[in-house]
């Protein structure tokens, strides 16, 4: 994904319950390590998975 902010905005608009984990989350908390990907963990309920469509 070349535009992680676009992905996050789309997930929020769709009402998907998720959290950002991994290196991207560490950067958001002040780590100086840079990364080119984003790791997302989402709830595996039927409603949440349908929102991903």
PDB file of N, CA and C in Angstrom:
ATOM      1  N   UNK A   1       0.877  -1.176   0.000  1.00  0.00           N
ATOM      2  CA  UNK A   1       0.000   0.000   0.000  1.00  0.00           C
ATOM      3  C   UNK A   1       0.906   1.215   0.000  1.00  0.00           C
ATOM      4  N   UNK A   2       0.814   2.016  -1.036  1.00  0.00           N
ATOM      5  CA  UNK A   2       1.673   3.187  -1.150  1.00  0.00           C
ATOM      6  C   UNK A   2       1.111   4.399  -0.412  1.00  0.00           C
ATOM      7  N   UNK A   3      -0.140   4.331   0.049  1.00  0.00           N
ATOM      8  CA  UNK A   3      -0.756   5.456   0.738  1.00  0.00           C
ATOM      9  C   UNK A   3      -1.473   4.964   1.996  1.00  0.00           C
ATOM     10  N   UNK A   4      -0.726   4.733   3.085  1.00  0.00           N
ATOM     11  CA  UNK A   4      -1.348   4.177   4.289  1.00  0.00           C
ATOM     12  C   UNK A   4      -2.428   5.074   4.893  1.00  0.00           C
ATOM     13  N   UNK A   5      -2.310   6.383   4.758  1.00  0.00           N
ATOM     14  CA  UNK A   5      -3.345   7.264   5.298  1.00  0.00           C
ATOM     15  C   UNK A   5      -4.664   7.080   4.552  1.00  0.00           C
ATOM     16  N   UNK A   6      -4.584   6.859   3.244  1.00  0.00           N
ATOM     17  CA  UNK A   6      -5.780   6.589   2.461  1.00  0.00           C
ATOM     18  C   UNK A   6      -6.448   5.310   2.951  1.00  0.00           C
ATOM     19  N   UNK A   7      -5.667   4.277   3.194  1.00  0.00           N
ATOM     20  CA  UNK A   7      -6.205   3.018   3.708  1.00  0.00           C
ATOM     21  C   UNK A   7      -6.901   3.238   5.042  1.00  0.00           C
ATOM     22  N   UNK A   8      -6.265   3.959   5.953  1.00  0.00           N
ATOM     23  CA  UNK A   8      -6.855   4.208   7.270  1.00  0.00           C
ATOM     24  C   UNK A   8      -8.158   4.996   7.156  1.00  0.00           C
ATOM     25  N   UNK A   9      -8.166   6.005   6.290  1.00  0.00           N
ATOM     26  CA  UNK A   9      -9.383   6.793   6.094  1.00  0.00           C
ATOM     27  C   UNK A   9     -10.519   5.923   5.560  1.00  0.00           C
ATOM     28  N   UNK A  10     -10.214   5.034   4.627  1.00  0.00           N
ATOM     29  CA  UNK A  10     -11.236   4.148   4.068  1.00  0.00           C
ATOM     30  C   UNK A  10     -11.766   3.186   5.121  1.00  0.00           C
ATOM     31  N   UNK A  11     -10.901   2.669   5.972  1.00  0.00           N
ATOM     32  CA  UNK A  11     -11.338   1.772   7.038  1.00  0.00           C
ATOM     33  C   UNK A  11     -12.256   2.494   8.023  1.00  0.00           C
ATOM     34  N   UNK A  12     -11.891   3.713   8.385  1.00  0.00           N
ATOM     35  CA  UNK A  12     -12.704   4.503   9.313  1.00  0.00           C
ATOM     36  C   UNK A  12     -14.065   4.804   8.695  1.00  0.00           C
ATOM     37  N   UNK A  13     -14.079   5.255   7.445  1.00  0.00           N
ATOM     38  CA  UNK A  13     -15.346   5.558   6.762  1.00  0.00           C
ATOM     39  C   UNK A  13     -16.251   4.334   6.676  1.00  0.00           C
ATOM     40  N   UNK A  14     -15.662   3.147   6.521  1.00  0.00           N
ATOM     41  CA  UNK A  14     -16.451   1.918   6.414  1.00  0.00           C
ATOM     42  C   UNK A  14     -16.911   1.415   7.781  1.00  0.00           C
ATOM     43  N   UNK A  15     -16.413   2.027   8.850  1.00  0.00           N
ATOM     44  CA  UNK A  15     -16.813   1.611  10.189  1.00  0.00           C
ATOM     45  C   UNK A  15     -16.124   0.348  10.675  1.00  0.00           C
ATOM     46  N   UNK A  16     -14.971   0.032  10.087  1.00  0.00           N
ATOM     47  CA  UNK A  16     -14.217  -1.155  10.483  1.00  0.00           C
ATOM     48  C   UNK A  16     -13.537  -0.896  11.821  1.00  0.00           C
ATOM     49  N   UNK A  17     -13.665  -1.847  12.739  1.00  0.00           N
ATOM     50  CA  UNK A  17     -12.968  -1.775  14.021  1.00  0.00           C
ATOM     51  C   UNK A  17     -11.575  -2.353  13.821  1.00  0.00           C
ATOM     52  N   UNK A  18     -10.518  -1.539  14.041  1.00  0.00           N
ATOM     53  CA  UNK A  18      -9.149  -1.992  13.814  1.00  0.00           C
ATOM     54  C   UNK A  18      -8.193  -1.221  14.706  1.00  0.00           C
ATOM     55  N   UNK A  19      -6.976  -1.729  14.769  1.00  0.00           N
ATOM     56  CA  UNK A  19      -5.907  -1.009  15.450  1.00  0.00           C
ATOM     57  C   UNK A  19      -4.641  -1.138  14.614  1.00  0.00           C
ATOM     58  N   UNK A  20      -3.806  -0.116  14.652  1.00  0.00           N
ATOM     59  CA  UNK A  20      -2.531  -0.137  13.943  1.00  0.00           C
ATOM     60  C   UNK A  20      -1.497  -0.721  14.898  1.00  0.00           C
ATOM     61  N   UNK A  21      -0.749  -1.705  14.420  1.00  0.00           N
ATOM     62  CA  UNK A  21       0.265  -2.374  15.235  1.00  0.00           C
ATOM     63  C   UNK A  21       1.590  -2.387  14.485  1.00  0.00           C
ATOM     64  N   UNK A  22       2.619  -2.873  15.102  1.00  0.00           N
ATOM     65  CA  UNK A  22       3.914  -3.026  14.447  1.00  0.00           C
ATOM     66  C   UNK A  22       4.697  -1.729  14.360  1.00  0.00           C
ATOM     67  N   UNK A  23       5.578  -1.669  13.351  1.00  0.00           N
ATOM     68  CA  UNK A  23       6.505  -0.541  13.211  1.00  0.00           C
ATOM     69  C   UNK A  23       5.802   0.792  13.005  1.00  0.00           C
ATOM     70  N   UNK A  24       4.720   0.812  12.248  1.00  0.00           N
ATOM     71  CA  UNK A  24       4.008   2.071  11.992  1.00  0.00           C
ATOM     72  C   UNK A  24       3.456   2.641  13.296  1.00  0.00           C
ATOM     73  N   UNK A  25       2.945   1.757  14.159  1.00  0.00           N
ATOM     74  CA  UNK A  25       2.452   2.195  15.465  1.00  0.00           C
ATOM     75  C   UNK A  25       3.605   2.735  16.307  1.00  0.00           C
ATOM     76  N   UNK A  26       4.754   2.094  16.226  1.00  0.00           N
ATOM     77  CA  UNK A  26       5.923   2.558  16.979  1.00  0.00           C
ATOM     78  C   UNK A  26       6.344   3.945  16.527  1.00  0.00           C
ATOM     79  N   UNK A  27       6.318   4.186  15.222  1.00  0.00           N
ATOM     80  CA  UNK A  27       6.658   5.508  14.688  1.00  0.00           C
ATOM     81  C   UNK A  27       5.675   6.554  15.210  1.00  0.00           C
ATOM     82  N   UNK A  28       4.398   6.193  15.264  1.00  0.00           N
ATOM     83  CA  UNK A  28       3.379   7.119  15.771  1.00  0.00           C
ATOM     84  C   UNK A  28       3.626   7.479  17.230  1.00  0.00           C
ATOM     85  N   UNK A  29       4.323   6.603  17.945  1.00  0.00           N
ATOM     86  CA  UNK A  29       4.631   6.853  19.353  1.00  0.00           C
ATOM     87  C   UNK A  29       6.023   7.438  19.549  1.00  0.00           C
ATOM     88  N   UNK A  30       6.674   7.840  18.464  1.00  0.00           N
ATOM     89  CA  UNK A  30       7.930   8.564  18.580  1.00  0.00           C
ATOM     90  C   UNK A  30       9.190   7.808  18.220  1.00  0.00           C
ATOM     91  N   UNK A  31       9.093   6.563  17.835  1.00  0.00           N
ATOM     92  CA  UNK A  31      10.269   5.801  17.421  1.00  0.00           C
ATOM     93  C   UNK A  31      10.818   6.420  16.142  1.00  0.00           C
ATOM     94  N   UNK A  32      12.119   6.510  16.005  1.00  0.00           N
ATOM     95  CA  UNK A  32      12.714   7.125  14.828  1.00  0.00           C
ATOM     96  C   UNK A  32      12.925   6.138  13.690  1.00  0.00           C
ATOM     97  N   UNK A  33      12.634   4.873  13.911  1.00  0.00           N
ATOM     98  CA  UNK A  33      12.725   3.858  12.865  1.00  0.00           C
ATOM     99  C   UNK A  33      11.662   4.117  11.806  1.00  0.00           C
ATOM    100  N   UNK A  34      12.038   4.103  10.551  1.00  0.00           N
ATOM    101  CA  UNK A  34      11.064   4.317   9.494  1.00  0.00           C
ATOM    102  C   UNK A  34      10.679   3.002   8.852  1.00  0.00           C
ATOM    103  N   UNK A  35       9.476   2.949   8.349  1.00  0.00           N
ATOM    104  CA  UNK A  35       8.964   1.732   7.732  1.00  0.00           C
ATOM    105  C   UNK A  35       8.175   2.081   6.480  1.00  0.00           C
ATOM    106  N   UNK A  36       8.026   1.131   5.600  1.00  0.00           N
ATOM    107  CA  UNK A  36       7.299   1.364   4.358  1.00  0.00           C
ATOM    108  C   UNK A  36       5.980   0.605   4.310  1.00  0.00           C
ATOM    109  N   UNK A  37       5.606  -0.035   5.417  1.00  0.00           N
ATOM    110  CA  UNK A  37       4.359  -0.785   5.424  1.00  0.00           C
ATOM    111  C   UNK A  37       3.536  -0.418   6.650  1.00  0.00           C
ATOM    112  N   UNK A  38       2.328  -0.936   6.687  1.00  0.00           N
ATOM    113  CA  UNK A  38       1.446  -0.702   7.823  1.00  0.00           C
ATOM    114  C   UNK A  38       0.818  -2.042   8.204  1.00  0.00           C
ATOM    115  N   UNK A  39       0.818  -2.345   9.480  1.00  0.00           N
ATOM    116  CA  UNK A  39       0.237  -3.583   9.987  1.00  0.00           C
ATOM    117  C   UNK A  39      -1.045  -3.234  10.728  1.00  0.00           C
ATOM    118  N   UNK A  40      -2.121  -3.903  10.367  1.00  0.00           N
ATOM    119  CA  UNK A  40      -3.423  -3.626  10.951  1.00  0.00           C
ATOM    120  C   UNK A  40      -3.996  -4.921  11.512  1.00  0.00           C
ATOM    121  N   UNK A  41      -4.549  -4.832  12.690  1.00  0.00           N
ATOM    122  CA  UNK A  41      -5.226  -5.956  13.319  1.00  0.00           C
ATOM    123  C   UNK A  41      -6.696  -5.560  13.452  1.00  0.00           C
ATOM    124  N   UNK A  42      -7.588  -6.433  12.962  1.00  0.00           N
ATOM    125  CA  UNK A  42      -9.008  -6.105  13.044  1.00  0.00           C
ATOM    126  C   UNK A  42      -9.766  -7.207  13.776  1.00  0.00           C
ATOM    127  N   UNK A  43     -10.926  -6.829  14.276  1.00  0.00           N
ATOM    128  CA  UNK A  43     -11.814  -7.775  14.940  1.00  0.00           C
ATOM    129  C   UNK A  43     -12.405  -8.711  13.883  1.00  0.00           C
ATOM    130  N   UNK A  44     -12.436 -10.004  14.178  1.00  0.00           N
ATOM    131  CA  UNK A  44     -12.920 -10.990  13.212  1.00  0.00           C
ATOM    132  C   UNK A  44     -14.376 -11.368  13.458  1.00  0.00           C
ATOM    133  N   UNK A  45     -15.209 -10.368  13.710  1.00  0.00           N
ATOM    134  CA  UNK A  45     -16.647 -10.623  13.819  1.00  0.00           C
ATOM    135  C   UNK A  45     -17.249 -10.563  12.411  1.00  0.00           C
ATOM    136  N   UNK A  46     -18.408 -11.158  12.242  1.00  0.00           N
ATOM    137  CA  UNK A  46     -19.070 -11.155  10.935  1.00  0.00           C
ATOM    138  C   UNK A  46     -19.307  -9.724  10.461  1.00  0.00           C
ATOM    139  N   UNK A  47     -19.854  -8.877  11.330  1.00  0.00           N
ATOM    140  CA  UNK A  47     -20.160  -7.491  10.944  1.00  0.00           C
ATOM    141  C   UNK A  47     -18.901  -6.736  10.528  1.00  0.00           C
ATOM    142  N   UNK A  48     -17.815  -6.911  11.262  1.00  0.00           N
ATOM    143  CA  UNK A  48     -16.587  -6.190  10.948  1.00  0.00           C
ATOM    144  C   UNK A  48     -15.970  -6.690   9.643  1.00  0.00           C
ATOM    145  N   UNK A  49     -15.995  -7.985   9.425  1.00  0.00           N
ATOM    146  CA  UNK A  49     -15.450  -8.526   8.192  1.00  0.00           C
ATOM    147  C   UNK A  49     -16.287  -8.100   6.985  1.00  0.00           C
ATOM    148  N   UNK A  50     -17.598  -8.011   7.140  1.00  0.00           N
ATOM    149  CA  UNK A  50     -18.441  -7.532   6.046  1.00  0.00           C
ATOM    150  C   UNK A  50     -18.163  -6.061   5.730  1.00  0.00           C
ATOM    151  N   UNK A  51     -17.796  -5.284   6.745  1.00  0.00           N
ATOM    152  CA  UNK A  51     -17.469  -3.861   6.523  1.00  0.00           C
ATOM    153  C   UNK A  51     -16.202  -3.706   5.689  1.00  0.00           C
ATOM    154  N   UNK A  52     -15.374  -4.736   5.649  1.00  0.00           N
ATOM    155  CA  UNK A  52     -14.136  -4.678   4.870  1.00  0.00           C
ATOM    156  C   UNK A  52     -14.381  -4.780   3.368  1.00  0.00           C
ATOM    157  N   UNK A  53     -15.554  -5.194   2.965  1.00  0.00           N
ATOM    158  CA  UNK A  53     -15.825  -5.388   1.532  1.00  0.00           C
ATOM    159  C   UNK A  53     -15.723  -4.132   0.787  1.00  0.00           C
TER     160      UNK A  53
END
